C-alpha atoms as a PDB file:
ATOM      1  CA  MET A   1     -35.059  50.182  43.655  1.00  0.00           C
ATOM      2  CA  LYS A   2     -38.524  49.382  45.007  1.00  0.00           C
ATOM      3  CA  ARG A   3     -37.054  47.493  47.961  1.00  0.00           C
ATOM      4  CA  GLU A   4     -34.635  50.326  48.770  1.00  0.00           C
ATOM      5  CA  SER A   5     -37.411  52.923  48.607  1.00  0.00           C
ATOM      6  CA  SER A   6     -39.642  50.845  50.891  1.00  0.00           C
ATOM      7  CA  VAL A   7     -36.852  50.502  53.467  1.00  0.00           C
ATOM      8  CA  CYS A   8     -36.179  54.248  53.345  1.00  0.00           C
ATOM      9  CA  GLY A   9     -39.888  54.922  53.757  1.00  0.00           C
ATOM     10  CA  LEU A  10     -40.038  52.639  56.790  1.00  0.00           C
ATOM     11  CA  LEU A  11     -37.098  54.440  58.419  1.00  0.00           C
ATOM     12  CA  LEU A  12     -38.734  57.822  57.785  1.00  0.00           C
ATOM     13  CA  VAL A  13     -41.977  56.669  59.398  1.00  0.00           C
ATOM     14  CA  ILE A  14     -40.112  55.420  62.475  1.00  0.00           C
ATOM     15  CA  LEU A  15     -38.035  58.590  62.768  1.00  0.00           C
ATOM     16  CA  ARG A  16     -41.114  60.796  62.449  1.00  0.00           C
ATOM     17  CA  ASN A  17     -42.780  58.950  65.308  1.00  0.00           C
ATOM     18  CA  THR A  18     -40.525  60.541  67.897  1.00  0.00           C
ATOM     19  CA  SER A  19     -43.018  62.791  69.669  1.00  0.00           C
ATOM     20  CA  THR A  20     -42.843  62.023  73.354  1.00  0.00           C
ATOM     21  CA  VAL A  21     -44.915  63.505  76.131  1.00  0.00           C
ATOM     22  CA  HIS A  22     -43.113  63.656  79.463  1.00  0.00           C
ATOM     23  CA  VAL A  23     -45.101  63.748  82.674  1.00  0.00           C
ATOM     24  CA  VAL A  24     -43.890  66.638  84.822  1.00  0.00           C
ATOM     25  CA  SER A  25     -43.917  66.006  88.534  1.00  0.00           C
ATOM     26  CA  ASP A  26     -44.418  68.469  91.356  1.00  0.00           C
ATOM     27  CA  GLU A  27     -43.713  67.692  94.981  1.00  0.00           C
ATOM     28  CA  SER A  28     -46.552  69.842  96.246  1.00  0.00           C
ATOM     29  CA  SER A  29     -49.319  68.560  93.969  1.00  0.00           C
ATOM     30  CA  SER A  30     -50.485  65.461  92.206  1.00  0.00           C
ATOM     31  CA  ARG A  31     -48.782  64.734  88.911  1.00  0.00           C
ATOM     32  CA  LEU A  32     -52.054  64.165  87.129  1.00  0.00           C
ATOM     33  CA  THR A  33     -53.548  67.527  88.129  1.00  0.00           C
ATOM     34  CA  ILE A  34     -50.864  69.519  86.320  1.00  0.00           C
ATOM     35  CA  LEU A  35     -50.717  67.497  83.123  1.00  0.00           C
ATOM     36  CA  SER A  36     -52.997  69.731  81.078  1.00  0.00           C
ATOM     37  CA  SER A  37     -50.860  72.808  81.684  1.00  0.00           C
ATOM     38  CA  GLU A  38     -47.362  71.315  81.816  1.00  0.00           C
ATOM     39  CA  MET A  39     -47.467  68.581  79.186  1.00  0.00           C
ATOM     40  CA  LYS A  40     -46.290  69.208  75.637  1.00  0.00           C
ATOM     41  CA  ASP A  41     -45.091  67.288  72.612  1.00  0.00           C
ATOM     42  CA  VAL A  42     -41.334  67.221  72.154  1.00  0.00           C
ATOM     43  CA  LYS A  43     -39.008  65.624  69.668  1.00  0.00           C
ATOM     44  CA  SER A  44     -36.952  63.126  71.571  1.00  0.00           C
ATOM     45  CA  SER A  45     -34.263  60.539  70.917  1.00  0.00           C
ATOM     46  CA  LYS A  46     -34.976  58.810  74.214  1.00  0.00           C
ATOM     47  CA  THR A  47     -36.012  55.209  74.714  1.00  0.00           C
ATOM     48  CA  THR A  48     -36.798  52.882  77.593  1.00  0.00           C
ATOM     49  CA  ILE A  49     -33.949  51.036  79.289  1.00  0.00           C
ATOM     50  CA  PRO A  50     -34.875  48.193  81.660  1.00  0.00           C
ATOM     51  CA  PHE A  51     -33.680  47.555  85.223  1.00  0.00           C
ATOM     52  CA  PHE A  52     -32.675  51.183  85.894  1.00  0.00           C
ATOM     53  CA  LYS A  53     -34.463  53.566  88.256  1.00  0.00           C
ATOM     54  CA  ASN A  54     -34.621  56.409  85.752  1.00  0.00           C
ATOM     55  CA  ASN A  55     -35.478  54.057  82.938  1.00  0.00           C
ATOM     56  CA  GLU A  56     -34.842  56.387  80.016  1.00  0.00           C
ATOM     57  CA  PHE A  57     -31.813  56.348  77.745  1.00  0.00           C
ATOM     58  CA  ASP A  58     -31.017  59.097  75.264  1.00  0.00           C
ATOM     59  CA  TYR A  59     -29.281  57.938  72.094  1.00  0.00           C
ATOM     60  CA  ALA A  60     -27.660  61.371  71.910  1.00  0.00           C
ATOM     61  CA  ARG A  61     -25.467  60.309  74.826  1.00  0.00           C
ATOM     62  CA  CYS A  62     -23.603  58.045  72.412  1.00  0.00           C
ATOM     63  CA  LEU A  63     -22.250  61.252  70.856  1.00  0.00           C
ATOM     64  CA  ASP A  64     -21.331  63.091  74.055  1.00  0.00           C
ATOM     65  CA  TRP A  65     -17.741  63.164  72.866  1.00  0.00           C
ATOM     66  CA  ALA A  66     -18.844  65.518  70.058  1.00  0.00           C
ATOM     67  CA  GLY A  67     -20.251  68.096  72.479  1.00  0.00           C
ATOM     68  CA  GLU A  68     -23.385  70.057  71.628  1.00  0.00           C
ATOM     69  CA  THR A  69     -22.999  69.211  67.944  1.00  0.00           C
ATOM     70  CA  GLY A  70     -23.491  65.544  68.728  1.00  0.00           C
ATOM     71  CA  LYS A  71     -27.124  66.106  69.742  1.00  0.00           C
ATOM     72  CA  ASN A  72     -27.967  67.156  66.196  1.00  0.00           C
ATOM     73  CA  TRP A  73     -26.624  63.880  64.857  1.00  0.00           C
ATOM     74  CA  ALA A  74     -28.396  61.541  67.250  1.00  0.00           C
ATOM     75  CA  TRP A  75     -30.650  60.458  64.395  1.00  0.00           C
ATOM     76  CA  VAL A  76     -27.655  58.763  62.740  1.00  0.00           C
ATOM     77  CA  VAL A  77     -27.220  56.522  65.780  1.00  0.00           C
ATOM     78  CA  ILE A  78     -30.958  55.821  65.801  1.00  0.00           C
ATOM     79  CA  VAL A  79     -31.019  54.849  62.102  1.00  0.00           C
ATOM     80  CA  LEU A  80     -28.065  52.472  62.481  1.00  0.00           C
ATOM     81  CA  TRP A  81     -29.615  50.954  65.605  1.00  0.00           C
ATOM     82  CA  ILE A  82     -32.980  50.508  63.857  1.00  0.00           C
ATOM     83  CA  VAL A  83     -31.350  48.721  60.917  1.00  0.00           C
ATOM     84  CA  LEU A  84     -29.502  46.395  63.312  1.00  0.00           C
ATOM     85  CA  ILE A  85     -32.618  45.608  65.368  1.00  0.00           C
ATOM     86  CA  ILE A  86     -34.861  44.904  62.383  1.00  0.00           C
ATOM     87  CA  SER A  87     -32.216  42.707  60.745  1.00  0.00           C
ATOM     88  CA  ALA A  88     -31.522  40.766  63.942  1.00  0.00           C
ATOM     89  CA  VAL A  89     -35.145  40.130  64.947  1.00  0.00           C
ATOM     90  CA  SER A  90     -36.355  39.248  61.446  1.00  0.00           C
ATOM     91  CA  ASN A  91     -33.518  36.769  60.958  1.00  0.00           C
ATOM     92  CA  GLY A  92     -34.086  35.369  64.450  1.00  0.00           C
ATOM     93  CA  ALA A  93     -37.737  34.715  63.611  1.00  0.00           C
ATOM     94  CA  ASN A  94     -36.658  33.115  60.342  1.00  0.00           C
ATOM     95  CA  LEU A  95     -34.256  30.741  62.105  1.00  0.00           C
ATOM     96  CA  THR A  96     -36.938  29.836  64.668  1.00  0.00           C
ATOM     97  CA  ASP A  97     -39.269  28.700  61.887  1.00  0.00           C
ATOM     98  CA  GLY A  98     -38.122  25.089  61.768  1.00  0.00           C
ATOM     99  CA  LEU A  99     -40.740  23.051  63.637  1.00  0.00           C
ATOM    100  CA  ASP A 100     -44.514  22.990  63.310  1.00  0.00           C
ATOM    101  CA  GLY A 101     -46.011  25.848  65.311  1.00  0.00           C
ATOM    102  CA  LEU A 102     -42.742  27.034  66.836  1.00  0.00           C
ATOM    103  CA  ALA A 103     -42.338  30.422  65.145  1.00  0.00           C
ATOM    104  CA  ALA A 104     -46.061  31.243  65.068  1.00  0.00           C
ATOM    105  CA  GLY A 105     -46.663  30.361  68.725  1.00  0.00           C
ATOM    106  CA  THR A 106     -43.560  32.168  69.966  1.00  0.00           C
ATOM    107  CA  SER A 107     -44.352  35.271  67.898  1.00  0.00           C
ATOM    108  CA  ALA A 108     -47.939  35.340  69.201  1.00  0.00           C
ATOM    109  CA  ILE A 109     -46.625  35.401  72.782  1.00  0.00           C
ATOM    110  CA  ILE A 110     -44.224  38.223  71.922  1.00  0.00           C
ATOM    111  CA  GLY A 111     -46.934  40.170  70.116  1.00  0.00           C
ATOM    112  CA  THR A 112     -49.318  39.903  73.066  1.00  0.00           C
ATOM    113  CA  THR A 113     -46.645  41.241  75.416  1.00  0.00           C
ATOM    114  CA  LEU A 114     -45.870  44.162  73.118  1.00  0.00           C
ATOM    115  CA  GLY A 115     -49.590  44.956  72.962  1.00  0.00           C
ATOM    116  CA  ILE A 116     -49.746  45.168  76.760  1.00  0.00           C
ATOM    117  CA  LEU A 117     -46.690  47.440  76.820  1.00  0.00           C
ATOM    118  CA  ALA A 118     -48.188  49.657  74.110  1.00  0.00           C
ATOM    119  CA  TYR A 119     -51.456  50.029  76.017  1.00  0.00           C
ATOM    120  CA  LEU A 120     -49.665  50.900  79.266  1.00  0.00           C
ATOM    121  CA  SER A 121     -47.427  53.436  77.529  1.00  0.00           C
ATOM    122  CA  GLY A 122     -50.380  55.077  75.827  1.00  0.00           C
ATOM    123  CA  ASN A 123     -52.497  55.317  78.977  1.00  0.00           C
ATOM    124  CA  ILE A 124     -51.664  58.402  81.019  1.00  0.00           C
ATOM    125  CA  ILE A 125     -52.848  56.894  84.310  1.00  0.00           C
ATOM    126  CA  PHE A 126     -50.925  53.624  84.014  1.00  0.00           C
ATOM    127  CA  SER A 127     -47.783  55.305  82.669  1.00  0.00           C
ATOM    128  CA  ASP A 128     -47.868  57.737  85.589  1.00  0.00           C
ATOM    129  CA  TYR A 129     -48.385  54.941  88.108  1.00  0.00           C
ATOM    130  CA  LEU A 130     -45.617  52.788  86.632  1.00  0.00           C
ATOM    131  CA  ASN A 131     -43.370  55.824  86.082  1.00  0.00           C
ATOM    132  CA  ILE A 132     -42.710  54.932  82.461  1.00  0.00           C
ATOM    133  CA  MET A 133     -42.460  57.044  79.338  1.00  0.00           C
ATOM    134  CA  TYR A 134     -45.892  58.281  78.285  1.00  0.00           C
ATOM    135  CA  LEU A 135     -46.403  58.015  74.517  1.00  0.00           C
ATOM    136  CA  PRO A 136     -49.677  59.563  73.339  1.00  0.00           C
ATOM    137  CA  ASP A 137     -51.848  57.554  70.964  1.00  0.00           C
ATOM    138  CA  THR A 138     -49.706  54.401  71.156  1.00  0.00           C
ATOM    139  CA  GLY A 139     -52.795  52.736  72.565  1.00  0.00           C
ATOM    140  CA  GLU A 140     -54.115  52.839  68.998  1.00  0.00           C
ATOM    141  CA  LEU A 141     -51.320  50.461  68.019  1.00  0.00           C
ATOM    142  CA  VAL A 142     -52.977  47.832  70.202  1.00  0.00           C
ATOM    143  CA  ILE A 143     -55.575  47.401  67.437  1.00  0.00           C
ATOM    144  CA  PHE A 144     -52.849  46.503  64.974  1.00  0.00           C
ATOM    145  CA  ILE A 145     -51.059  44.103  67.303  1.00  0.00           C
ATOM    146  CA  CYS A 146     -54.365  42.377  68.108  1.00  0.00           C
ATOM    147  CA  ALA A 147     -54.862  41.776  64.389  1.00  0.00           C
ATOM    148  CA  PHE A 148     -51.264  40.553  64.163  1.00  0.00           C
ATOM    149  CA  VAL A 149     -51.681  38.094  67.035  1.00  0.00           C
ATOM    150  CA  GLY A 150     -55.060  37.007  65.685  1.00  0.00           C
ATOM    151  CA  ALA A 151     -53.512  36.219  62.301  1.00  0.00           C
ATOM    152  CA  LEU A 152     -50.748  34.218  63.993  1.00  0.00           C
ATOM    153  CA  VAL A 153     -53.225  32.229  66.073  1.00  0.00           C
ATOM    154  CA  GLY A 154     -55.329  31.560  62.984  1.00  0.00           C
ATOM    155  CA  PHE A 155     -52.254  30.370  61.143  1.00  0.00           C
ATOM    156  CA  LEU A 156     -51.182  28.307  64.152  1.00  0.00           C
ATOM    157  CA  TYR A 157     -54.512  26.463  64.037  1.00  0.00           C
ATOM    158  CA  HIS A 158     -53.405  24.921  60.724  1.00  0.00           C
ATOM    159  CA  ASN A 159     -49.657  24.977  61.411  1.00  0.00           C
ATOM    160  CA  CYS A 160     -49.643  22.935  64.620  1.00  0.00           C
ATOM    161  CA  SER A 161     -48.197  19.434  64.311  1.00  0.00           C
ATOM    162  CA  PRO A 162     -48.789  17.844  61.877  1.00  0.00           C
ATOM    163  CA  ALA A 163     -48.819  21.076  59.867  1.00  0.00           C
ATOM    164  CA  SER A 164     -51.018  21.453  56.807  1.00  0.00           C
ATOM    165  CA  VAL A 165     -49.848  25.028  56.101  1.00  0.00           C
ATOM    166  CA  PHE A 166     -46.245  26.258  56.167  1.00  0.00           C
ATOM    167  CA  MET A 167     -44.799  29.709  56.715  1.00  0.00           C
ATOM    168  CA  GLY A 168     -41.454  29.883  54.928  1.00  0.00           C
ATOM    169  CA  ASP A 169     -39.203  32.922  54.600  1.00  0.00           C
ATOM    170  CA  THR A 170     -42.084  34.987  53.179  1.00  0.00           C
ATOM    171  CA  GLY A 171     -43.869  34.724  56.517  1.00  0.00           C
ATOM    172  CA  SER A 172     -41.122  34.506  59.131  1.00  0.00           C
ATOM    173  CA  LEU A 173     -39.041  37.486  57.947  1.00  0.00           C
ATOM    174  CA  PRO A 174     -41.984  39.953  57.952  1.00  0.00           C
ATOM    175  CA  ILE A 175     -43.148  38.638  61.327  1.00  0.00           C
ATOM    176  CA  GLY A 176     -39.755  39.411  62.848  1.00  0.00           C
ATOM    177  CA  GLY A 177     -39.726  42.788  61.117  1.00  0.00           C
ATOM    178  CA  ILE A 178     -43.172  43.675  62.484  1.00  0.00           C
ATOM    179  CA  ILE A 179     -42.113  42.763  66.014  1.00  0.00           C
ATOM    180  CA  ALA A 180     -38.953  44.880  65.733  1.00  0.00           C
ATOM    181  CA  VAL A 181     -40.698  47.931  64.257  1.00  0.00           C
ATOM    182  CA  TYR A 182     -43.523  47.736  66.797  1.00  0.00           C
ATOM    183  CA  ALA A 183     -41.043  47.623  69.691  1.00  0.00           C
ATOM    184  CA  ILE A 184     -39.207  50.626  68.241  1.00  0.00           C
ATOM    185  CA  LEU A 185     -42.426  52.626  67.861  1.00  0.00           C
ATOM    186  CA  ILE A 186     -43.343  52.127  71.522  1.00  0.00           C
ATOM    187  CA  ARG A 187     -39.739  52.726  72.640  1.00  0.00           C
ATOM    188  CA  LYS A 188     -39.244  49.237  74.050  1.00  0.00           C
ATOM    189  CA  GLU A 189     -36.584  47.967  71.633  1.00  0.00           C
ATOM    190  CA  LEU A 190     -34.027  47.445  74.414  1.00  0.00           C
ATOM    191  CA  LEU A 191     -36.386  44.865  75.917  1.00  0.00           C
ATOM    192  CA  LEU A 192     -36.223  42.696  72.781  1.00  0.00           C
ATOM    193  CA  PRO A 193     -33.187  40.615  73.855  1.00  0.00           C
ATOM    194  CA  LEU A 194     -35.230  39.475  76.851  1.00  0.00           C
ATOM    195  CA  LEU A 195     -38.660  39.285  75.234  1.00  0.00           C
ATOM    196  CA  CYS A 196     -37.323  37.644  72.055  1.00  0.00           C
ATOM    197  CA  GLY A 197     -34.968  35.387  73.979  1.00  0.00           C
ATOM    198  CA  ILE A 198     -36.019  32.394  71.870  1.00  0.00           C
ATOM    199  CA  PHE A 199     -35.009  34.220  68.693  1.00  0.00           C
ATOM    200  CA  LEU A 200     -31.737  35.254  70.334  1.00  0.00           C
ATOM    201  CA  VAL A 201     -30.802  31.735  71.411  1.00  0.00           C
ATOM    202  CA  GLU A 202     -31.664  30.333  67.978  1.00  0.00           C
ATOM    203  CA  THR A 203     -29.456  32.924  66.287  1.00  0.00           C
ATOM    204  CA  VAL A 204     -26.560  32.500  68.707  1.00  0.00           C
ATOM    205  CA  SER A 205     -26.659  28.710  68.299  1.00  0.00           C
ATOM    206  CA  VAL A 206     -26.242  29.082  64.526  1.00  0.00           C
ATOM    207  CA  ILE A 207     -23.390  31.580  64.920  1.00  0.00           C
ATOM    208  CA  ILE A 208     -21.578  29.338  67.406  1.00  0.00           C
ATOM    209  CA  GLN A 209     -22.037  26.276  65.197  1.00  0.00           C
ATOM    210  CA  ARG A 210     -20.727  27.953  62.053  1.00  0.00           C
ATOM    211  CA  ARG A 211     -17.807  29.712  63.731  1.00  0.00           C
ATOM    212  CA  TYR A 212     -16.664  26.607  65.585  1.00  0.00           C
ATOM    213  CA  TYR A 213     -16.997  24.427  62.492  1.00  0.00           C
ATOM    214  CA  LYS A 214     -14.904  26.789  60.384  1.00  0.00           C
ATOM    215  CA  HIS A 215     -12.301  27.207  63.150  1.00  0.00           C
ATOM    216  CA  THR A 216     -11.829  23.472  63.699  1.00  0.00           C
ATOM    217  CA  LYS A 217     -11.793  22.755  59.983  1.00  0.00           C
ATOM    218  CA  LYS A 218      -9.008  25.280  59.517  1.00  0.00           C
ATOM    219  CA  LYS A 219      -7.089  24.003  62.552  1.00  0.00           C
ATOM    220  CA  TYR A 220      -7.589  20.237  62.316  1.00  0.00           C
ATOM    221  CA  GLY A 221      -8.552  19.769  58.678  1.00  0.00           C
ATOM    222  CA  GLN A 222     -11.981  18.475  59.668  1.00  0.00           C
ATOM    223  CA  GLY A 223     -14.839  20.530  60.999  1.00  0.00           C
ATOM    224  CA  ARG A 224     -16.341  19.773  64.401  1.00  0.00           C
ATOM    225  CA  ARG A 225     -19.693  20.805  65.829  1.00  0.00           C
ATOM    226  CA  VAL A 226     -20.888  22.076  69.190  1.00  0.00           C
ATOM    227  CA  PHE A 227     -24.506  21.055  68.604  1.00  0.00           C
ATOM    228  CA  LEU A 228     -25.803  17.969  66.873  1.00  0.00           C
ATOM    229  CA  MET A 229     -27.574  20.344  64.504  1.00  0.00           C
ATOM    230  CA  ALA A 230     -28.315  24.053  64.369  1.00  0.00           C
ATOM    231  CA  PRO A 231     -30.546  25.979  65.010  1.00  0.00           C
ATOM    232  CA  ILE A 232     -30.812  24.605  68.516  1.00  0.00           C
ATOM    233  CA  HIS A 233     -34.363  23.225  68.181  1.00  0.00           C
ATOM    234  CA  HIS A 234     -32.976  20.717  65.675  1.00  0.00           C
ATOM    235  CA  HIS A 235     -30.334  19.758  68.254  1.00  0.00           C
ATOM    236  CA  PHE A 236     -33.109  18.616  70.589  1.00  0.00           C
ATOM    237  CA  GLN A 237     -34.794  16.891  67.677  1.00  0.00           C
ATOM    238  CA  LYS A 238     -31.590  14.905  67.037  1.00  0.00           C
ATOM    239  CA  MET A 239     -31.722  13.884  70.703  1.00  0.00           C
ATOM    240  CA  LEU A 240     -34.949  12.049  69.770  1.00  0.00           C
ATOM    241  CA  ILE A 241     -37.178  14.389  71.785  1.00  0.00           C
ATOM    242  CA  PRO A 242     -40.657  14.451  70.193  1.00  0.00           C
ATOM    243  CA  GLU A 243     -41.333  17.537  68.090  1.00  0.00           C
ATOM    244  CA  GLN A 244     -44.519  18.461  69.968  1.00  0.00           C
ATOM    245  CA  LYS A 245     -42.646  18.352  73.276  1.00  0.00           C
ATOM    246  CA  ILE A 246     -39.881  20.622  71.958  1.00  0.00           C
ATOM    247  CA  VAL A 247     -42.372  23.180  70.645  1.00  0.00           C
ATOM    248  CA  THR A 248     -44.432  23.154  73.843  1.00  0.00           C
ATOM    249  CA  ARG A 249     -41.337  23.650  76.005  1.00  0.00           C
ATOM    250  CA  PHE A 250     -40.193  26.528  73.821  1.00  0.00           C
ATOM    251  CA  TRP A 251     -43.636  28.102  74.240  1.00  0.00           C
ATOM    252  CA  ILE A 252     -43.305  27.759  78.010  1.00  0.00           C
ATOM    253  CA  VAL A 253     -39.905  29.460  77.926  1.00  0.00           C
ATOM    254  CA  GLY A 254     -41.408  32.182  75.738  1.00  0.00           C
ATOM    255  CA  ILE A 255     -44.184  32.784  78.277  1.00  0.00           C
ATOM    256  CA  ILE A 256     -41.629  32.984  81.101  1.00  0.00           C
ATOM    257  CA  LEU A 257     -39.617  35.552  79.122  1.00  0.00           C
ATOM    258  CA  ALA A 258     -42.795  37.541  78.418  1.00  0.00           C
ATOM    259  CA  VAL A 259     -43.651  37.639  82.120  1.00  0.00           C
ATOM    260  CA  ALA A 260     -40.068  38.657  82.937  1.00  0.00           C
ATOM    261  CA  THR A 261     -40.363  41.473  80.394  1.00  0.00           C
ATOM    262  CA  LEU A 262     -43.508  42.797  82.061  1.00  0.00           C
ATOM    263  CA  VAL A 263     -41.855  42.512  85.462  1.00  0.00           C
ATOM    264  CA  THR A 264     -39.184  44.991  84.315  1.00  0.00           C
ATOM    265  CA  LEU A 265     -41.859  47.689  84.572  1.00  0.00           C
ATOM    266  CA  LYS A 266     -41.454  47.553  88.355  1.00  0.00           C
ATOM    267  CA  VAL A 267     -38.068  45.881  88.933  1.00  0.00           C
ATOM    268  CA  ARG A 268     -35.461  48.642  88.839  1.00  0.00           C
END
């Protein structure tokens, strides 16, 4: 019961944080000069969608078939989507936690990127310049994400190879959950497949391995594997690549994905 109540409380907090301030433009005057008179808080089911010119997506559009009534039920789509995102990212972080420093280092990179996005979204000047959704007070979330990244770096100091401290499910699952919830709060959850590409690949490698093994076992009587071992970082380990080299290369890929995520602010 306690776990169910905590999950319900988390969903309520996320749903309540739906106040969005939209910057109103005017062809004859600067956008910033009319903000004080034209800007207001509104309840919105919109989020940020990358690579599109008008980079806002309204979850209510998923219920267009229901007409005007569908707009009143947009929160159902949001709740289901939130549950899916939190489950996927938390499990992805859990699967990534298999080598010394891999999960902590990758999560620190992701957290830093989310902090930058939160600051830009909460700053009226930068959000206006980048033409992104302005979310008042999200800059305050930067304090939290800095503490989050700081804790990960402190843990990484003792978790780097050879590790003297280990994370386990108790650490990796909440880390993934924090990343997912933070992205939802700043309306950047649709960027997670790109930003958390490491988590995505780790999860997909496990799904492919299990599905293919079960299919071949049913068809041929003996299971076969696509990878030497899943998740995929263990596949490289079976290829006799040193653990430190695998972790460092995954960090490099994570940095590239983080940069690509920030580039989406201008690439549309």
